[in-house]
Amino acid sequence: MNIIWYNSELKAYSTGSSADYIKQITAAQSPSSLIILMKFDSKSKNLANKVLKQLNLVNTEMKKTWLVS
């Protein structure tokens, strides 16, 4: 299973396996800052990566907008 989560401490989206997510929670200063957004079966890894790229693209564009305003 592939998971996409948002880390509000880093203000970034990430993807990985359930084990990757658990490692991130364990390492986080505030585990509640990691929010699972989507889950994909193992066959959909490419789709998960495409969604992740789009989420980070939107996040980057929104940061630019905030800096301008």
PDB file of N, CA and C in Angstrom:
ATOM      1  N   MET A   1       0.847  -1.174   0.000  1.00  0.00           N
ATOM      2  CA  MET A   1       0.000   0.000   0.000  1.00  0.00           C
ATOM      3  C   MET A   1       0.894   1.239   0.000  1.00  0.00           C
ATOM      4  N   ASN A   2       0.509   2.211  -0.778  1.00  0.00           N
ATOM      5  CA  ASN A   2       1.179   3.515  -0.826  1.00  0.00           C
ATOM      6  C   ASN A   2       0.259   4.540  -0.186  1.00  0.00           C
ATOM      7  N   ILE A   3       0.860   5.424   0.576  1.00  0.00           N
ATOM      8  CA  ILE A   3       0.108   6.440   1.305  1.00  0.00           C
ATOM      9  C   ILE A   3       0.655   7.812   0.925  1.00  0.00           C
ATOM     10  N   ILE A   4      -0.247   8.785   0.801  1.00  0.00           N
ATOM     11  CA  ILE A   4       0.150  10.188   0.676  1.00  0.00           C
ATOM     12  C   ILE A   4      -0.284  10.867   1.958  1.00  0.00           C
ATOM     13  N   TRP A   5       0.664  11.589   2.573  1.00  0.00           N
ATOM     14  CA  TRP A   5       0.344  12.308   3.795  1.00  0.00           C
ATOM     15  C   TRP A   5       0.877  13.719   3.710  1.00  0.00           C
ATOM     16  N   TYR A   6       0.306  14.572   4.565  1.00  0.00           N
ATOM     17  CA  TYR A   6       0.743  15.957   4.662  1.00  0.00           C
ATOM     18  C   TYR A   6       1.414  16.151   6.012  1.00  0.00           C
ATOM     19  N   ASN A   7       2.573  16.787   6.007  1.00  0.00           N
ATOM     20  CA  ASN A   7       3.296  17.093   7.232  1.00  0.00           C
ATOM     21  C   ASN A   7       3.164  18.594   7.473  1.00  0.00           C
ATOM     22  N   SER A   8       2.333  18.958   8.434  1.00  0.00           N
ATOM     23  CA  SER A   8       2.095  20.383   8.674  1.00  0.00           C
ATOM     24  C   SER A   8       3.297  21.069   9.308  1.00  0.00           C
ATOM     25  N   GLU A   9       4.208  20.319   9.924  1.00  0.00           N
ATOM     26  CA  GLU A   9       5.438  20.922  10.446  1.00  0.00           C
ATOM     27  C   GLU A   9       6.328  21.392   9.298  1.00  0.00           C
ATOM     28  N   LEU A  10       6.462  20.554   8.272  1.00  0.00           N
ATOM     29  CA  LEU A  10       7.308  20.883   7.121  1.00  0.00           C
ATOM     30  C   LEU A  10       6.537  21.589   6.014  1.00  0.00           C
ATOM     31  N   LYS A  11       5.217  21.578   6.125  1.00  0.00           N
ATOM     32  CA  LYS A  11       4.328  22.129   5.089  1.00  0.00           C
ATOM     33  C   LYS A  11       4.623  21.487   3.739  1.00  0.00           C
ATOM     34  N   ALA A  12       4.659  20.144   3.759  1.00  0.00           N
ATOM     35  CA  ALA A  12       4.972  19.390   2.540  1.00  0.00           C
ATOM     36  C   ALA A  12       4.205  18.077   2.521  1.00  0.00           C
ATOM     37  N   TYR A  13       3.945  17.611   1.300  1.00  0.00           N
ATOM     38  CA  TYR A  13       3.296  16.324   1.087  1.00  0.00           C
ATOM     39  C   TYR A  13       4.379  15.274   0.848  1.00  0.00           C
ATOM     40  N   SER A  14       4.105  14.052   1.288  1.00  0.00           N
ATOM     41  CA  SER A  14       5.042  12.948   1.083  1.00  0.00           C
ATOM     42  C   SER A  14       4.265  11.700   0.712  1.00  0.00           C
ATOM     43  N   THR A  15       4.981  10.741   0.162  1.00  0.00           N
ATOM     44  CA  THR A  15       4.381   9.458  -0.149  1.00  0.00           C
ATOM     45  C   THR A  15       5.340   8.358   0.259  1.00  0.00           C
ATOM     46  N   GLY A  16       4.791   7.202   0.518  1.00  0.00           N
ATOM     47  CA  GLY A  16       5.599   6.054   0.890  1.00  0.00           C
ATOM     48  C   GLY A  16       4.715   4.916   1.357  1.00  0.00           C
ATOM     49  N   SER A  17       5.361   3.910   1.858  1.00  0.00           N
ATOM     50  CA  SER A  17       4.645   2.741   2.369  1.00  0.00           C
ATOM     51  C   SER A  17       4.129   3.039   3.776  1.00  0.00           C
ATOM     52  N   SER A  18       3.356   2.103   4.302  1.00  0.00           N
ATOM     53  CA  SER A  18       2.882   2.236   5.680  1.00  0.00           C
ATOM     54  C   SER A  18       4.067   2.312   6.643  1.00  0.00           C
ATOM     55  N   ALA A  19       5.101   1.523   6.367  1.00  0.00           N
ATOM     56  CA  ALA A  19       6.301   1.530   7.212  1.00  0.00           C
ATOM     57  C   ALA A  19       6.982   2.898   7.158  1.00  0.00           C
ATOM     58  N   ASP A  20       7.035   3.519   5.970  1.00  0.00           N
ATOM     59  CA  ASP A  20       7.628   4.855   5.835  1.00  0.00           C
ATOM     60  C   ASP A  20       6.853   5.871   6.675  1.00  0.00           C
ATOM     61  N   TYR A  21       5.523   5.774   6.612  1.00  0.00           N
ATOM     62  CA  TYR A  21       4.672   6.688   7.366  1.00  0.00           C
ATOM     63  C   TYR A  21       4.903   6.519   8.868  1.00  0.00           C
ATOM     64  N   ILE A  22       4.987   5.289   9.322  1.00  0.00           N
ATOM     65  CA  ILE A  22       5.213   5.020  10.742  1.00  0.00           C
ATOM     66  C   ILE A  22       6.569   5.569  11.183  1.00  0.00           C
ATOM     67  N   LYS A  23       7.594   5.433  10.331  1.00  0.00           N
ATOM     68  CA  LYS A  23       8.912   5.996  10.644  1.00  0.00           C
ATOM     69  C   LYS A  23       8.827   7.513  10.796  1.00  0.00           C
ATOM     70  N   GLN A  24       8.067   8.155   9.912  1.00  0.00           N
ATOM     71  CA  GLN A  24       7.917   9.609   9.973  1.00  0.00           C
ATOM     72  C   GLN A  24       7.201  10.023  11.258  1.00  0.00           C
ATOM     73  N   ILE A  25       6.166   9.278  11.642  1.00  0.00           N
ATOM     74  CA  ILE A  25       5.435   9.589  12.877  1.00  0.00           C
ATOM     75  C   ILE A  25       6.357   9.444  14.081  1.00  0.00           C
ATOM     76  N   THR A  26       7.147   8.385  14.070  1.00  0.00           N
ATOM     77  CA  THR A  26       8.067   8.138  15.176  1.00  0.00           C
ATOM     78  C   THR A  26       9.098   9.252  15.299  1.00  0.00           C
ATOM     79  N   ALA A  27       9.565   9.777  14.180  1.00  0.00           N
ATOM     80  CA  ALA A  27      10.593  10.816  14.179  1.00  0.00           C
ATOM     81  C   ALA A  27      10.038  12.224  14.391  1.00  0.00           C
ATOM     82  N   ALA A  28       8.751  12.402  14.189  1.00  0.00           N
ATOM     83  CA  ALA A  28       8.158  13.748  14.263  1.00  0.00           C
ATOM     84  C   ALA A  28       8.077  14.252  15.694  1.00  0.00           C
ATOM     85  N   GLN A  29       8.281  15.542  15.849  1.00  0.00           N
ATOM     86  CA  GLN A  29       8.123  16.156  17.173  1.00  0.00           C
ATOM     87  C   GLN A  29       6.653  16.169  17.581  1.00  0.00           C
ATOM     88  N   SER A  30       5.794  16.309  16.589  1.00  0.00           N
ATOM     89  CA  SER A  30       4.352  16.305  16.830  1.00  0.00           C
ATOM     90  C   SER A  30       3.704  15.300  15.866  1.00  0.00           C
ATOM     91  N   PRO A  31       3.542  14.059  16.306  1.00  0.00           N
ATOM     92  CA  PRO A  31       2.997  13.027  15.408  1.00  0.00           C
ATOM     93  C   PRO A  31       1.642  13.380  14.788  1.00  0.00           C
ATOM     94  N   SER A  32       0.861  14.204  15.476  1.00  0.00           N
ATOM     95  CA  SER A  32      -0.445  14.580  14.930  1.00  0.00           C
ATOM     96  C   SER A  32      -0.319  15.527  13.742  1.00  0.00           C
ATOM     97  N   SER A  33       0.905  15.990  13.456  1.00  0.00           N
ATOM     98  CA  SER A  33       1.111  16.888  12.317  1.00  0.00           C
ATOM     99  C   SER A  33       1.154  16.126  10.989  1.00  0.00           C
ATOM    100  N   LEU A  34       1.191  14.804  11.041  1.00  0.00           N
ATOM    101  CA  LEU A  34       1.203  13.991   9.823  1.00  0.00           C
ATOM    102  C   LEU A  34      -0.199  13.432   9.577  1.00  0.00           C
ATOM    103  N   ILE A  35      -0.809  13.892   8.511  1.00  0.00           N
ATOM    104  CA  ILE A  35      -2.195  13.539   8.218  1.00  0.00           C
ATOM    105  C   ILE A  35      -2.250  12.731   6.924  1.00  0.00           C
ATOM    106  N   ILE A  36      -2.829  11.541   6.989  1.00  0.00           N
ATOM    107  CA  ILE A  36      -2.986  10.719   5.782  1.00  0.00           C
ATOM    108  C   ILE A  36      -4.088  11.320   4.923  1.00  0.00           C
ATOM    109  N   LEU A  37      -3.770  11.552   3.652  1.00  0.00           N
ATOM    110  CA  LEU A  37      -4.742  12.112   2.718  1.00  0.00           C
ATOM    111  C   LEU A  37      -5.337  11.057   1.799  1.00  0.00           C
ATOM    112  N   MET A  38      -4.496  10.136   1.324  1.00  0.00           N
ATOM    113  CA  MET A  38      -4.952   9.124   0.360  1.00  0.00           C
ATOM    114  C   MET A  38      -4.184   7.832   0.556  1.00  0.00           C
ATOM    115  N   LYS A  39      -4.858   6.741   0.216  1.00  0.00           N
ATOM    116  CA  LYS A  39      -4.207   5.429   0.231  1.00  0.00           C
ATOM    117  C   LYS A  39      -4.390   4.797  -1.142  1.00  0.00           C
ATOM    118  N   PHE A  40      -3.340   4.172  -1.639  1.00  0.00           N
ATOM    119  CA  PHE A  40      -3.354   3.517  -2.945  1.00  0.00           C
ATOM    120  C   PHE A  40      -2.877   2.085  -2.779  1.00  0.00           C
ATOM    121  N   ASP A  41      -3.419   1.182  -3.583  1.00  0.00           N
ATOM    122  CA  ASP A  41      -2.886  -0.178  -3.539  1.00  0.00           C
ATOM    123  C   ASP A  41      -1.503  -0.189  -4.175  1.00  0.00           C
ATOM    124  N   SER A  42      -0.774  -1.268  -3.977  1.00  0.00           N
ATOM    125  CA  SER A  42       0.619  -1.314  -4.436  1.00  0.00           C
ATOM    126  C   SER A  42       0.747  -1.197  -5.952  1.00  0.00           C
ATOM    127  N   LYS A  43      -0.294  -1.528  -6.695  1.00  0.00           N
ATOM    128  CA  LYS A  43      -0.256  -1.424  -8.154  1.00  0.00           C
ATOM    129  C   LYS A  43      -0.344   0.026  -8.621  1.00  0.00           C
ATOM    130  N   SER A  44      -0.743   0.921  -7.746  1.00  0.00           N
ATOM    131  CA  SER A  44      -0.984   2.319  -8.121  1.00  0.00           C
ATOM    132  C   SER A  44       0.131   3.256  -7.683  1.00  0.00           C
ATOM    133  N   LYS A  45       1.344   2.752  -7.549  1.00  0.00           N
ATOM    134  CA  LYS A  45       2.457   3.585  -7.097  1.00  0.00           C
ATOM    135  C   LYS A  45       2.704   4.760  -8.036  1.00  0.00           C
ATOM    136  N   ASN A  46       2.619   4.526  -9.348  1.00  0.00           N
ATOM    137  CA  ASN A  46       2.822   5.624 -10.308  1.00  0.00           C
ATOM    138  C   ASN A  46       1.761   6.703 -10.142  1.00  0.00           C
ATOM    139  N   LEU A  47       0.522   6.286  -9.938  1.00  0.00           N
ATOM    140  CA  LEU A  47      -0.559   7.249  -9.731  1.00  0.00           C
ATOM    141  C   LEU A  47      -0.312   8.047  -8.448  1.00  0.00           C
ATOM    142  N   ALA A  48       0.100   7.376  -7.403  1.00  0.00           N
ATOM    143  CA  ALA A  48       0.391   8.064  -6.137  1.00  0.00           C
ATOM    144  C   ALA A  48       1.486   9.107  -6.340  1.00  0.00           C
ATOM    145  N   ASN A  49       2.512   8.776  -7.095  1.00  0.00           N
ATOM    146  CA  ASN A  49       3.592   9.732  -7.353  1.00  0.00           C
ATOM    147  C   ASN A  49       3.117  10.921  -8.178  1.00  0.00           C
ATOM    148  N   LYS A  50       2.234  10.680  -9.151  1.00  0.00           N
ATOM    149  CA  LYS A  50       1.691  11.781  -9.953  1.00  0.00           C
ATOM    150  C   LYS A  50       0.841  12.710  -9.092  1.00  0.00           C
ATOM    151  N   VAL A  51       0.009  12.138  -8.230  1.00  0.00           N
ATOM    152  CA  VAL A  51      -0.815  12.949  -7.329  1.00  0.00           C
ATOM    153  C   VAL A  51       0.080  13.759  -6.395  1.00  0.00           C
ATOM    154  N   LEU A  52       1.119  13.121  -5.862  1.00  0.00           N
ATOM    155  CA  LEU A  52       2.055  13.806  -4.978  1.00  0.00           C
ATOM    156  C   LEU A  52       2.709  14.994  -5.677  1.00  0.00           C
ATOM    157  N   LYS A  53       3.153  14.809  -6.892  1.00  0.00           N
ATOM    158  CA  LYS A  53       3.774  15.908  -7.639  1.00  0.00           C
ATOM    159  C   LYS A  53       2.810  17.075  -7.811  1.00  0.00           C
ATOM    160  N   GLN A  54       1.548  16.765  -8.117  1.00  0.00           N
ATOM    161  CA  GLN A  54       0.557  17.820  -8.304  1.00  0.00           C
ATOM    162  C   GLN A  54       0.262  18.548  -6.993  1.00  0.00           C
ATOM    163  N   LEU A  55       0.160  17.803  -5.902  1.00  0.00           N
ATOM    164  CA  LEU A  55      -0.086  18.429  -4.602  1.00  0.00           C
ATOM    165  C   LEU A  55       1.063  19.367  -4.230  1.00  0.00           C
ATOM    166  N   ASN A  56       2.284  18.930  -4.440  1.00  0.00           N
ATOM    167  CA  ASN A  56       3.430  19.777  -4.117  1.00  0.00           C
ATOM    168  C   ASN A  56       3.528  20.973  -5.052  1.00  0.00           C
ATOM    169  N   LEU A  57       3.126  20.803  -6.301  1.00  0.00           N
ATOM    170  CA  LEU A  57       3.097  21.919  -7.237  1.00  0.00           C
ATOM    171  C   LEU A  57       2.103  22.987  -6.767  1.00  0.00           C
ATOM    172  N   VAL A  58       0.917  22.556  -6.398  1.00  0.00           N
ATOM    173  CA  VAL A  58      -0.097  23.488  -5.899  1.00  0.00           C
ATOM    174  C   VAL A  58       0.396  24.158  -4.620  1.00  0.00           C
ATOM    175  N   ASN A  59       1.012  23.387  -3.752  1.00  0.00           N
ATOM    176  CA  ASN A  59       1.544  23.927  -2.501  1.00  0.00           C
ATOM    177  C   ASN A  59       2.581  25.020  -2.780  1.00  0.00           C
ATOM    178  N   THR A  60       3.464  24.775  -3.733  1.00  0.00           N
ATOM    179  CA  THR A  60       4.487  25.754  -4.104  1.00  0.00           C
ATOM    180  C   THR A  60       3.852  27.020  -4.665  1.00  0.00           C
ATOM    181  N   GLU A  61       2.863  26.860  -5.531  1.00  0.00           N
ATOM    182  CA  GLU A  61       2.195  28.019  -6.124  1.00  0.00           C
ATOM    183  C   GLU A  61       1.457  28.831  -5.062  1.00  0.00           C
ATOM    184  N   MET A  62       0.856  28.143  -4.102  1.00  0.00           N
ATOM    185  CA  MET A  62       0.150  28.866  -3.036  1.00  0.00           C
ATOM    186  C   MET A  62       1.133  29.639  -2.171  1.00  0.00           C
ATOM    187  N   LYS A  63       2.304  29.072  -1.908  1.00  0.00           N
ATOM    188  CA  LYS A  63       3.329  29.785  -1.136  1.00  0.00           C
ATOM    189  C   LYS A  63       3.751  31.053  -1.855  1.00  0.00           C
ATOM    190  N   LYS A  64       3.903  30.966  -3.177  1.00  0.00           N
ATOM    191  CA  LYS A  64       4.268  32.161  -3.963  1.00  0.00           C
ATOM    192  C   LYS A  64       3.189  33.232  -3.836  1.00  0.00           C
ATOM    193  N   THR A  65       1.932  32.811  -3.878  1.00  0.00           N
ATOM    194  CA  THR A  65       0.818  33.750  -3.754  1.00  0.00           C
ATOM    195  C   THR A  65       0.811  34.418  -2.404  1.00  0.00           C
ATOM    196  N   TRP A  66       1.096  33.647  -1.356  1.00  0.00           N
ATOM    197  CA  TRP A  66       1.121  34.216  -0.001  1.00  0.00           C
ATOM    198  C   TRP A  66       2.245  35.225   0.138  1.00  0.00           C
ATOM    199  N   LEU A  67       3.380  34.963  -0.514  1.00  0.00           N
ATOM    200  CA  LEU A  67       4.506  35.883  -0.417  1.00  0.00           C
ATOM    201  C   LEU A  67       4.231  37.196  -1.118  1.00  0.00           C
ATOM    202  N   VAL A  68       3.439  37.151  -2.192  1.00  0.00           N
ATOM    203  CA  VAL A  68       3.124  38.351  -2.955  1.00  0.00           C
ATOM    204  C   VAL A  68       2.106  39.200  -2.226  1.00  0.00           C
ATOM    205  N   SER A  69       1.130  38.563  -1.556  1.00  0.00           N
ATOM    206  CA  SER A  69       0.063  39.347  -0.917  1.00  0.00           C
ATOM    207  C   SER A  69       0.459  39.954   0.382  1.00  0.00           C
TER     208      SER A  69
END
